[in-house]
Amino acid sequence: MTHIGKDALLSYMNSDSDQENMIEDHLLECETCTNMYVTLIEDIEVNGELSDDFTDITLQQMEKILPSPPKANQNKVVTHYLVAAGLTIFLTLTGVFQGALNVTEIQQKQNTGLITEHLMTKTNDVLEGMKGVHHNE
């Protein structure tokens, strides 16, 4: 088996090779060339310091790829929150919520019981009916 040369691996690493598929297939099969490839990767020194304008350049590139949402949409969201908060305050001050509480109190005074108790009673009746059907069969 012929091995891939260092120059060919370096050009592959820099995406300059026109034999990428052949090199990838060979690296999958040849452990010697894979070890040399890993060694080349480890030998490459990455400069640990970033340029002063790295953040600005990165943000500019991101804005090109992912443009920020239009200000009109942001204003609509804030407007909706303000309208909802204002409506809640208005309804609270006019006593609408108190009226809902009064309806609940009236139902309790009429001895209609709690809704959960009513549901439990109906559920028990249904279950008892099902038991009776099964016992009769």
Protein backbone atom coordinates (compact mmCIF):
# COMPACT_ATOMS: atom_id res chain seq x y z
CA MET A 1 0.00 0.00 0.00
CA THR A 2 1.39 3.40 -0.93
CA HIS A 3 1.19 6.11 1.65
CA ILE A 4 0.09 9.69 1.15
CA GLY A 5 2.86 12.27 1.33
CA LYS A 6 3.05 15.10 3.81
CA ASP A 7 2.54 17.72 1.08
CA ALA A 8 -0.63 15.98 -0.13
CA LEU A 9 -2.00 15.88 3.43
CA LEU A 10 -1.18 19.56 3.96
CA SER A 11 -2.97 20.55 0.76
CA TYR A 12 -5.91 18.36 1.85
CA MET A 13 -5.99 20.16 5.20
CA ASN A 14 -6.04 23.53 3.41
CA SER A 15 -8.80 22.32 1.05
CA ASP A 16 -6.44 22.82 -1.89
CA SER A 17 -6.41 19.18 -2.94
CA ASP A 18 -8.31 17.98 -5.97
CA GLN A 19 -8.14 14.41 -4.66
CA GLU A 20 -10.13 14.88 -1.46
CA ASN A 21 -12.28 11.76 -1.86
CA MET A 22 -9.27 9.56 -2.57
CA ILE A 23 -7.39 10.94 0.45
CA GLU A 24 -10.42 10.51 2.74
CA ASP A 25 -10.87 6.91 1.62
CA HIS A 26 -7.17 6.22 2.14
CA LEU A 27 -7.21 7.76 5.64
CA LEU A 28 -10.08 5.46 6.57
CA GLU A 29 -8.04 2.42 5.58
CA CYS A 30 -4.42 3.32 6.43
CA GLU A 31 -3.53 3.75 10.09
CA THR A 32 -0.02 5.08 9.31
CA CYS A 33 -1.34 7.93 7.17
CA THR A 34 -4.10 8.67 9.69
CA ASN A 35 -1.48 8.98 12.44
CA MET A 36 0.61 11.30 10.25
CA TYR A 37 -2.52 13.38 9.52
CA VAL A 38 -3.32 13.67 13.24
CA THR A 39 0.31 14.62 13.96
CA LEU A 40 0.16 17.36 11.31
CA ILE A 41 -3.02 18.71 12.85
CA GLU A 42 -1.42 18.74 16.30
CA ASP A 43 1.68 20.49 14.96
CA ILE A 44 -0.27 23.38 13.54
CA GLU A 45 -0.08 26.19 16.03
CA VAL A 46 -3.14 28.32 16.42
CA ASN A 47 -2.43 31.85 17.45
CA GLY A 48 -4.00 32.19 20.92
CA GLU A 49 -4.54 35.91 20.62
CA LEU A 50 -7.45 37.39 18.72
CA SER A 51 -7.27 40.63 16.86
CA ASP A 52 -8.75 43.71 18.49
CA ASP A 53 -11.56 43.91 15.95
CA PHE A 54 -12.41 40.18 15.98
CA THR A 55 -15.70 40.73 17.84
CA ASP A 56 -16.78 43.56 15.54
CA ILE A 57 -16.00 41.57 12.40
CA THR A 58 -17.79 38.49 13.74
CA LEU A 59 -20.89 40.49 14.66
CA GLN A 60 -20.96 42.13 11.23
CA GLN A 61 -20.77 38.74 9.56
CA MET A 62 -23.55 37.42 11.79
CA GLU A 63 -25.76 40.41 10.94
CA LYS A 64 -25.33 39.63 7.25
CA ILE A 65 -26.32 36.01 7.81
CA LEU A 66 -29.00 36.57 10.45
CA PRO A 67 -30.46 40.05 10.15
CA SER A 68 -32.01 41.44 13.32
CA PRO A 69 -35.81 41.57 13.45
CA PRO A 70 -37.34 44.82 12.30
CA LYS A 71 -37.99 47.43 14.95
CA ALA A 72 -41.68 47.49 14.01
CA ASN A 73 -42.13 43.93 15.28
CA GLN A 74 -40.35 44.73 18.54
CA ASN A 75 -42.58 47.78 18.99
CA LYS A 76 -45.70 45.63 18.36
CA VAL A 77 -44.69 43.22 21.12
CA VAL A 78 -44.13 46.02 23.61
CA THR A 79 -47.43 47.60 22.57
CA HIS A 80 -49.31 44.31 23.11
CA TYR A 81 -47.82 43.93 26.59
CA LEU A 82 -48.76 47.51 27.49
CA VAL A 83 -52.32 47.05 26.20
CA ALA A 84 -52.71 43.79 28.14
CA ALA A 85 -51.36 45.36 31.34
CA GLY A 86 -53.57 48.43 30.91
CA LEU A 87 -56.65 46.31 30.27
CA THR A 88 -55.94 44.19 33.34
CA ILE A 89 -55.58 47.28 35.53
CA PHE A 90 -58.76 48.78 34.07
CA LEU A 91 -60.79 45.60 34.66
CA THR A 92 -59.43 45.31 38.19
CA LEU A 93 -60.34 48.91 39.04
CA THR A 94 -63.86 48.60 37.56
CA GLY A 95 -64.57 45.52 39.67
CA VAL A 96 -65.03 42.95 36.90
CA PHE A 97 -62.85 40.44 38.70
CA GLN A 98 -64.71 41.11 41.95
CA GLY A 99 -67.95 40.33 40.11
CA ALA A 100 -66.56 36.95 39.12
CA LEU A 101 -65.76 36.25 42.76
CA ASN A 102 -69.26 37.27 43.77
CA VAL A 103 -70.77 34.77 41.31
CA THR A 104 -68.68 32.03 42.93
CA GLU A 105 -69.83 33.08 46.40
CA ILE A 106 -73.48 33.08 45.30
CA GLN A 107 -73.12 29.53 43.98
CA GLN A 108 -71.64 28.40 47.29
CA LYS A 109 -74.48 30.06 49.24
CA GLN A 110 -77.05 28.23 47.13
CA ASN A 111 -75.59 24.97 48.43
CA THR A 112 -74.77 23.80 44.96
CA GLY A 113 -71.45 22.63 46.32
CA LEU A 114 -68.08 22.84 44.78
CA ILE A 115 -67.56 21.93 41.17
CA THR A 116 -64.98 19.30 42.11
CA GLU A 117 -67.42 17.65 44.50
CA HIS A 118 -70.05 17.62 41.79
CA LEU A 119 -67.61 16.05 39.32
CA MET A 120 -66.56 13.42 41.87
CA THR A 121 -70.19 12.50 42.52
CA LYS A 122 -70.92 12.14 38.80
CA THR A 123 -67.74 10.10 38.30
CA ASN A 124 -68.67 7.79 41.17
CA ASP A 125 -72.17 7.32 39.70
CA VAL A 126 -70.67 6.37 36.33
CA LEU A 127 -68.22 3.94 37.95
CA GLU A 128 -70.98 2.35 40.03
CA GLY A 129 -73.06 1.97 36.88
CA MET A 130 -70.14 0.27 35.14
CA LYS A 131 -69.67 -2.09 38.08
CA GLY A 132 -73.34 -3.03 37.91
CA VAL A 133 -73.05 -3.77 34.17
CA HIS A 134 -70.04 -6.03 34.74
CA HIS A 135 -71.69 -7.89 37.65
CA ASN A 136 -74.81 -8.60 35.60
CA GLU A 137 -72.86 -10.15 32.71
